[in-house]
Amino acid sequence: MTGAPTGARATPRLAFGPSVQRGDRLLPEEAAVALSFNGTTQAVMMATPADLVDFGHGFALTEGIAGPGDILSVEVETLAKGHDVQVWLKPQAEARLAARRRTMSGPVGCGLCGIDSIDQALRDVPVVPPSPFRITPAEVMAAVAALPGQQRLHDATRAVHCAGFWNGRLALTREDVGRHNALDKLAGAMVRGGIAPQGAVLLTSRVSTDMVQKVAMLGAPMIIAVSAPTAEAVSLAEASGITLVALARPDRFEVFTHSDRLTTEETHVR
């Protein structure tokens, strides 16, 4: 196979049906990615080995380790068995780094692996401040309809998640085998690109509390997800001032919190 997207690899397989056929299938790559801050490894995640500089910036932000102004540089070192994303912080960020105390080896899809206390799992996140951002129901459905054309890795493999950002158009997308990783990569790309978070984060995954926490840390006022949220995620979105749209399709969706940001809604879900 030629033209494989970054993060995919052709793998031999047998296809069984009316006949048995030999051939290749593109599958997403999965590598151990260490996230190191000022020389100390804070997390090891299984992730798609692409957009790793974005990953470093985004993980630092969404996990409350460092804001954009705290990061001096992000460098990626390729090792024999994976990659080390080395984030270098300004001295004033050291206290937050020590407070996190993460030493986690997390399988894909796990957003809380290695956290050593209930308080860390249920950490406080900032309330998203009021903003002029509003969106029409037609735009919500247009945002969802725009996603399939911007998921090259998913289209090739059918095995990864996507996180995107809509601010009147689909401004950016990032993909990964892990849903949390995809969101972190999106957040990092937004920070690096100077894209203000006044818009909607699009998710192809379910919405759990940790995904809402990350969006709150980014400061985006809306989540639009194709899958359902947990009840706790709805409660956290309500408390964080985030509009939560879920079960979204190109022709319908459901709103769970802060529906006042939908400009043509007649009833408000509170």
Protein backbone atom coordinates (compact mmCIF):
# COMPACT_ATOMS: atom_id res chain seq x y z
CA MET A 1 0.00 0.00 0.00
CA THR A 2 1.17 3.51 -0.76
CA GLY A 3 0.11 6.87 0.50
CA ALA A 4 -0.45 5.71 4.08
CA PRO A 5 -1.14 8.61 6.45
CA THR A 6 1.30 9.36 9.24
CA GLY A 7 0.65 7.00 12.13
CA ALA A 8 -0.55 4.06 10.02
CA ARG A 9 1.24 0.93 8.83
CA ALA A 10 0.28 -1.75 6.32
CA THR A 11 -0.10 -5.11 8.08
CA PRO A 12 -0.57 -8.52 6.38
CA ARG A 13 -3.85 -10.29 7.05
CA LEU A 14 -6.19 -12.99 5.74
CA ALA A 15 -9.73 -11.92 4.81
CA PHE A 16 -12.41 -14.62 5.17
CA GLY A 17 -15.68 -14.45 3.26
CA PRO A 18 -16.93 -16.27 0.18
CA SER A 19 -13.22 -16.92 -0.37
CA VAL A 20 -9.99 -16.43 1.55
CA GLN A 21 -7.90 -13.51 0.35
CA ARG A 22 -4.41 -12.49 1.32
CA GLY A 23 -3.49 -8.85 1.51
CA ASP A 24 -2.63 -5.90 3.72
CA ARG A 25 -4.72 -3.64 5.92
CA LEU A 26 -3.68 -0.23 7.19
CA LEU A 27 -3.69 -0.21 10.98
CA PRO A 28 -2.89 2.65 13.34
CA GLU A 29 0.51 2.61 15.01
CA GLU A 30 0.68 2.54 18.78
CA ALA A 31 3.86 3.49 20.62
CA ALA A 32 4.98 4.18 24.16
CA VAL A 33 5.22 7.95 24.54
CA ALA A 34 6.85 9.37 27.66
CA LEU A 35 5.90 12.89 28.72
CA SER A 36 8.84 14.36 30.61
CA PHE A 37 8.91 17.73 32.36
CA ASN A 38 12.23 19.34 33.18
CA GLY A 39 13.96 15.99 32.82
CA THR A 40 11.54 13.93 34.93
CA THR A 41 9.05 11.54 33.35
CA GLN A 42 5.53 12.32 34.52
CA ALA A 43 3.51 9.97 32.33
CA VAL A 44 3.92 7.16 29.82
CA MET A 45 1.00 6.77 27.44
CA MET A 46 0.33 4.44 24.55
CA ALA A 47 -0.34 6.84 21.69
CA THR A 48 -0.19 7.33 17.96
CA PRO A 49 3.35 8.58 17.25
CA ALA A 50 2.31 11.73 15.38
CA ASP A 51 1.87 15.40 16.41
CA LEU A 52 3.91 14.73 19.55
CA VAL A 53 4.99 18.35 20.05
CA ASP A 54 1.30 19.26 20.11
CA PHE A 55 0.80 16.40 22.58
CA GLY A 56 3.38 17.85 24.97
CA HIS A 57 1.90 21.35 24.89
CA GLY A 58 -1.66 20.07 25.23
CA PHE A 59 -1.03 17.56 28.02
CA ALA A 60 0.75 20.25 30.07
CA LEU A 61 -2.22 22.58 29.67
CA THR A 62 -5.16 20.19 30.12
CA GLU A 63 -3.60 18.42 33.12
CA GLY A 64 -2.94 21.72 34.90
CA ILE A 65 0.84 21.32 34.86
CA ALA A 66 1.72 24.42 32.85
CA GLY A 67 0.08 27.17 30.84
CA PRO A 68 1.38 28.30 27.44
CA GLY A 69 3.48 31.02 29.05
CA ASP A 70 5.22 28.49 31.31
CA ILE A 71 6.72 26.39 28.51
CA LEU A 72 10.20 27.15 27.24
CA SER A 73 10.40 24.39 24.64
CA VAL A 74 9.12 20.95 23.66
CA GLU A 75 11.49 18.45 22.05
CA VAL A 76 10.82 14.89 20.89
CA GLU A 77 13.50 12.22 21.23
CA THR A 78 12.96 8.95 19.39
CA LEU A 79 14.11 5.96 21.41
CA ALA A 80 14.53 2.27 20.60
CA LYS A 81 11.16 1.41 22.12
CA GLY A 82 9.21 4.64 21.84
CA HIS A 83 9.41 8.40 22.09
CA ASP A 84 10.23 10.86 24.85
CA VAL A 85 8.39 14.19 24.68
CA GLN A 86 10.62 16.50 26.69
CA VAL A 87 8.83 19.61 27.96
CA TRP A 88 11.02 22.31 29.51
CA LEU A 89 9.29 24.68 31.90
CA LYS A 90 10.07 28.04 33.41
CA PRO A 91 11.08 27.93 37.09
CA GLN A 92 7.71 29.27 38.30
CA ALA A 93 5.96 26.17 36.96
CA GLU A 94 8.00 23.81 39.16
CA ALA A 95 5.52 23.89 42.05
CA ARG A 96 2.61 22.80 39.85
CA LEU A 97 4.82 20.10 38.35
CA ALA A 98 5.63 18.68 41.79
CA ALA A 99 1.99 18.85 42.87
CA ARG A 100 0.80 16.66 40.02
CA ARG A 101 3.03 13.69 41.11
CA ARG A 102 2.00 11.60 38.15
CA THR A 103 3.86 8.38 37.43
CA MET A 104 1.43 6.62 35.17
CA SER A 105 1.65 3.95 32.54
CA GLY A 106 -1.68 4.29 30.82
CA PRO A 107 -3.30 2.07 28.19
CA VAL A 108 -5.15 3.87 25.42
CA GLY A 109 -8.57 5.12 26.44
CA CYS A 110 -7.54 5.56 30.06
CA GLY A 111 -7.53 9.14 31.23
CA LEU A 112 -6.96 8.68 34.95
CA CYS A 113 -4.43 5.84 35.14
CA GLY A 114 -1.82 6.40 37.81
CA ILE A 115 -3.54 9.20 39.70
CA ASP A 116 -2.83 8.51 43.32
CA SER A 117 -5.77 10.18 45.07
CA ILE A 118 -9.50 10.74 44.69
CA ASP A 119 -8.87 14.49 44.93
CA GLN A 120 -6.69 14.35 41.80
CA ALA A 121 -9.29 12.36 39.88
CA LEU A 122 -12.00 14.85 40.84
CA ARG A 123 -9.79 17.93 40.60
CA ASP A 124 -11.34 21.36 40.46
CA VAL A 125 -11.30 23.01 37.06
CA PRO A 126 -11.93 26.66 36.17
CA VAL A 127 -15.37 27.84 35.18
CA VAL A 128 -15.34 28.86 31.54
CA PRO A 129 -15.92 32.64 31.56
CA PRO A 130 -18.90 34.18 29.74
CA SER A 131 -18.22 34.90 26.11
CA PRO A 132 -20.04 36.12 23.01
CA PHE A 133 -19.72 32.70 21.36
CA ARG A 134 -23.06 31.48 20.01
CA ILE A 135 -23.93 28.79 17.50
CA THR A 136 -27.06 27.86 15.57
CA PRO A 137 -28.46 24.32 15.42
CA ALA A 138 -27.61 24.30 11.72
CA GLU A 139 -23.97 25.07 12.56
CA VAL A 140 -23.86 22.24 15.11
CA MET A 141 -24.98 19.80 12.44
CA ALA A 142 -22.61 21.35 9.88
CA ALA A 143 -19.70 20.90 12.30
CA VAL A 144 -20.48 17.21 12.74
CA ALA A 145 -20.94 16.75 9.00
CA ALA A 146 -17.53 18.35 8.37
CA LEU A 147 -15.61 15.89 10.57
CA PRO A 148 -15.48 12.85 8.24
CA GLY A 149 -13.58 14.76 5.59
CA GLN A 150 -10.83 15.70 8.06
CA GLN A 151 -10.07 12.29 9.59
CA ARG A 152 -7.45 10.86 7.24
CA LEU A 153 -6.07 8.36 9.75
CA HIS A 154 -9.53 7.17 10.75
CA ASP A 155 -10.61 6.86 7.13
CA ALA A 156 -7.59 4.66 6.46
CA THR A 157 -7.77 2.49 9.59
CA ARG A 158 -11.25 2.83 11.19
CA ALA A 159 -9.52 2.56 14.57
CA VAL A 160 -8.73 6.02 15.95
CA HIS A 161 -10.46 8.93 17.65
CA CYS A 162 -10.60 12.52 16.47
CA ALA A 163 -10.86 15.85 18.28
CA GLY A 164 -11.62 18.98 16.29
CA PHE A 165 -12.28 22.67 16.83
CA TRP A 166 -15.15 24.61 15.25
CA ASN A 167 -15.18 28.42 15.28
CA GLY A 168 -17.48 29.01 12.34
CA ARG A 169 -15.50 26.47 10.36
CA LEU A 170 -13.61 23.30 11.16
CA ALA A 171 -10.36 25.05 12.00
CA LEU A 172 -8.30 22.10 13.22
CA THR A 173 -8.37 18.35 13.89
CA ARG A 174 -6.05 15.87 15.57
CA GLU A 175 -6.30 12.05 15.70
CA ASP A 176 -4.98 9.33 18.00
CA VAL A 177 -5.71 5.79 19.13
CA GLY A 178 -6.58 7.31 22.53
CA ARG A 179 -9.46 9.77 22.86
CA HIS A 180 -7.69 11.74 25.61
CA ASN A 181 -4.54 11.92 23.51
CA ALA A 182 -6.47 13.26 20.53
CA LEU A 183 -7.93 16.02 22.70
CA ASP A 184 -4.53 16.86 24.18
CA LYS A 185 -3.01 17.07 20.70
CA LEU A 186 -5.82 19.39 19.61
CA ALA A 187 -5.31 21.63 22.65
CA GLY A 188 -1.58 21.78 21.99
CA ALA A 189 -2.07 22.60 18.32
CA MET A 190 -4.45 25.41 19.27
CA VAL A 191 -1.96 26.87 21.73
CA ARG A 192 0.90 26.65 19.25
CA GLY A 193 -1.22 28.14 16.48
CA GLY A 194 -2.55 30.99 18.60
CA ILE A 195 -6.14 29.85 18.08
CA ALA A 196 -8.43 31.34 20.75
CA PRO A 197 -10.70 28.73 22.39
CA GLN A 198 -13.89 30.64 21.53
CA GLY A 199 -15.69 27.85 19.77
CA ALA A 200 -16.72 24.22 20.09
CA VAL A 201 -14.53 21.18 20.71
CA LEU A 202 -15.74 18.27 18.57
CA LEU A 203 -15.27 14.73 19.88
CA THR A 204 -15.82 11.40 18.13
CA SER A 205 -15.78 9.61 21.50
CA ARG A 206 -17.98 9.36 24.54
CA VAL A 207 -17.80 12.27 26.99
CA SER A 208 -16.51 11.36 30.45
CA THR A 209 -15.60 13.67 33.33
CA ASP A 210 -11.92 13.75 32.41
CA MET A 211 -12.73 14.92 28.88
CA VAL A 212 -14.82 17.75 30.32
CA GLN A 213 -11.96 18.62 32.69
CA LYS A 214 -9.58 18.94 29.75
CA VAL A 215 -11.97 21.14 27.77
CA ALA A 216 -12.47 23.36 30.82
CA MET A 217 -8.70 23.75 31.17
CA LEU A 218 -8.54 24.72 27.50
CA GLY A 219 -11.26 27.30 28.14
CA ALA A 220 -13.63 26.28 25.34
CA PRO A 221 -17.32 27.02 26.03
CA MET A 222 -18.84 24.08 24.13
CA ILE A 223 -18.41 20.36 23.51
CA ILE A 224 -20.07 18.65 20.56
CA ALA A 225 -19.75 14.85 20.73
CA VAL A 226 -21.06 12.11 18.50
CA SER A 227 -21.46 9.74 21.46
CA ALA A 228 -23.28 10.04 24.77
CA PRO A 229 -21.94 11.62 27.97
CA THR A 230 -21.88 10.11 31.43
CA ALA A 231 -24.21 11.60 34.03
CA GLU A 232 -21.21 12.90 35.97
CA ALA A 233 -19.81 14.56 32.83
CA VAL A 234 -23.10 16.42 32.43
CA SER A 235 -22.93 17.62 36.04
CA LEU A 236 -19.35 18.80 35.59
CA ALA A 237 -20.14 20.58 32.32
CA GLU A 238 -23.03 22.37 34.03
CA ALA A 239 -20.81 23.46 36.92
CA SER A 240 -17.99 24.49 34.56
CA GLY A 241 -20.18 26.66 32.35
CA ILE A 242 -19.74 24.41 29.31
CA THR A 243 -22.49 23.75 26.79
CA LEU A 244 -22.61 19.99 26.28
CA VAL A 245 -24.05 18.75 22.99
CA ALA A 246 -23.97 14.99 22.46
CA LEU A 247 -25.32 12.21 20.25
CA ALA A 248 -24.73 14.66 17.44
CA ARG A 249 -25.42 13.72 13.83
CA PRO A 250 -25.66 15.78 10.63
CA ASP A 251 -29.44 15.88 11.12
CA ARG A 252 -30.01 15.89 14.90
CA PHE A 253 -28.40 16.29 18.33
CA GLU A 254 -29.21 16.56 22.04
CA VAL A 255 -28.25 19.40 24.41
CA PHE A 256 -27.65 18.67 28.10
CA THR A 257 -26.33 21.94 29.59
CA HIS A 258 -26.24 25.69 28.95
CA SER A 259 -28.38 25.64 25.81
CA ASP A 260 -28.47 29.46 25.84
CA ARG A 261 -25.44 29.37 23.50
CA LEU A 262 -27.71 27.91 20.84
CA THR A 263 -29.14 31.05 19.33
CA THR A 264 -32.48 29.69 18.11
CA GLU A 265 -33.34 27.42 21.03
CA GLU A 266 -36.73 28.18 22.59
CA THR A 267 -36.29 26.07 25.70
CA HIS A 268 -33.22 25.86 27.85
CA VAL A 269 -31.95 22.70 29.46
CA ARG A 270 -30.46 23.65 32.84
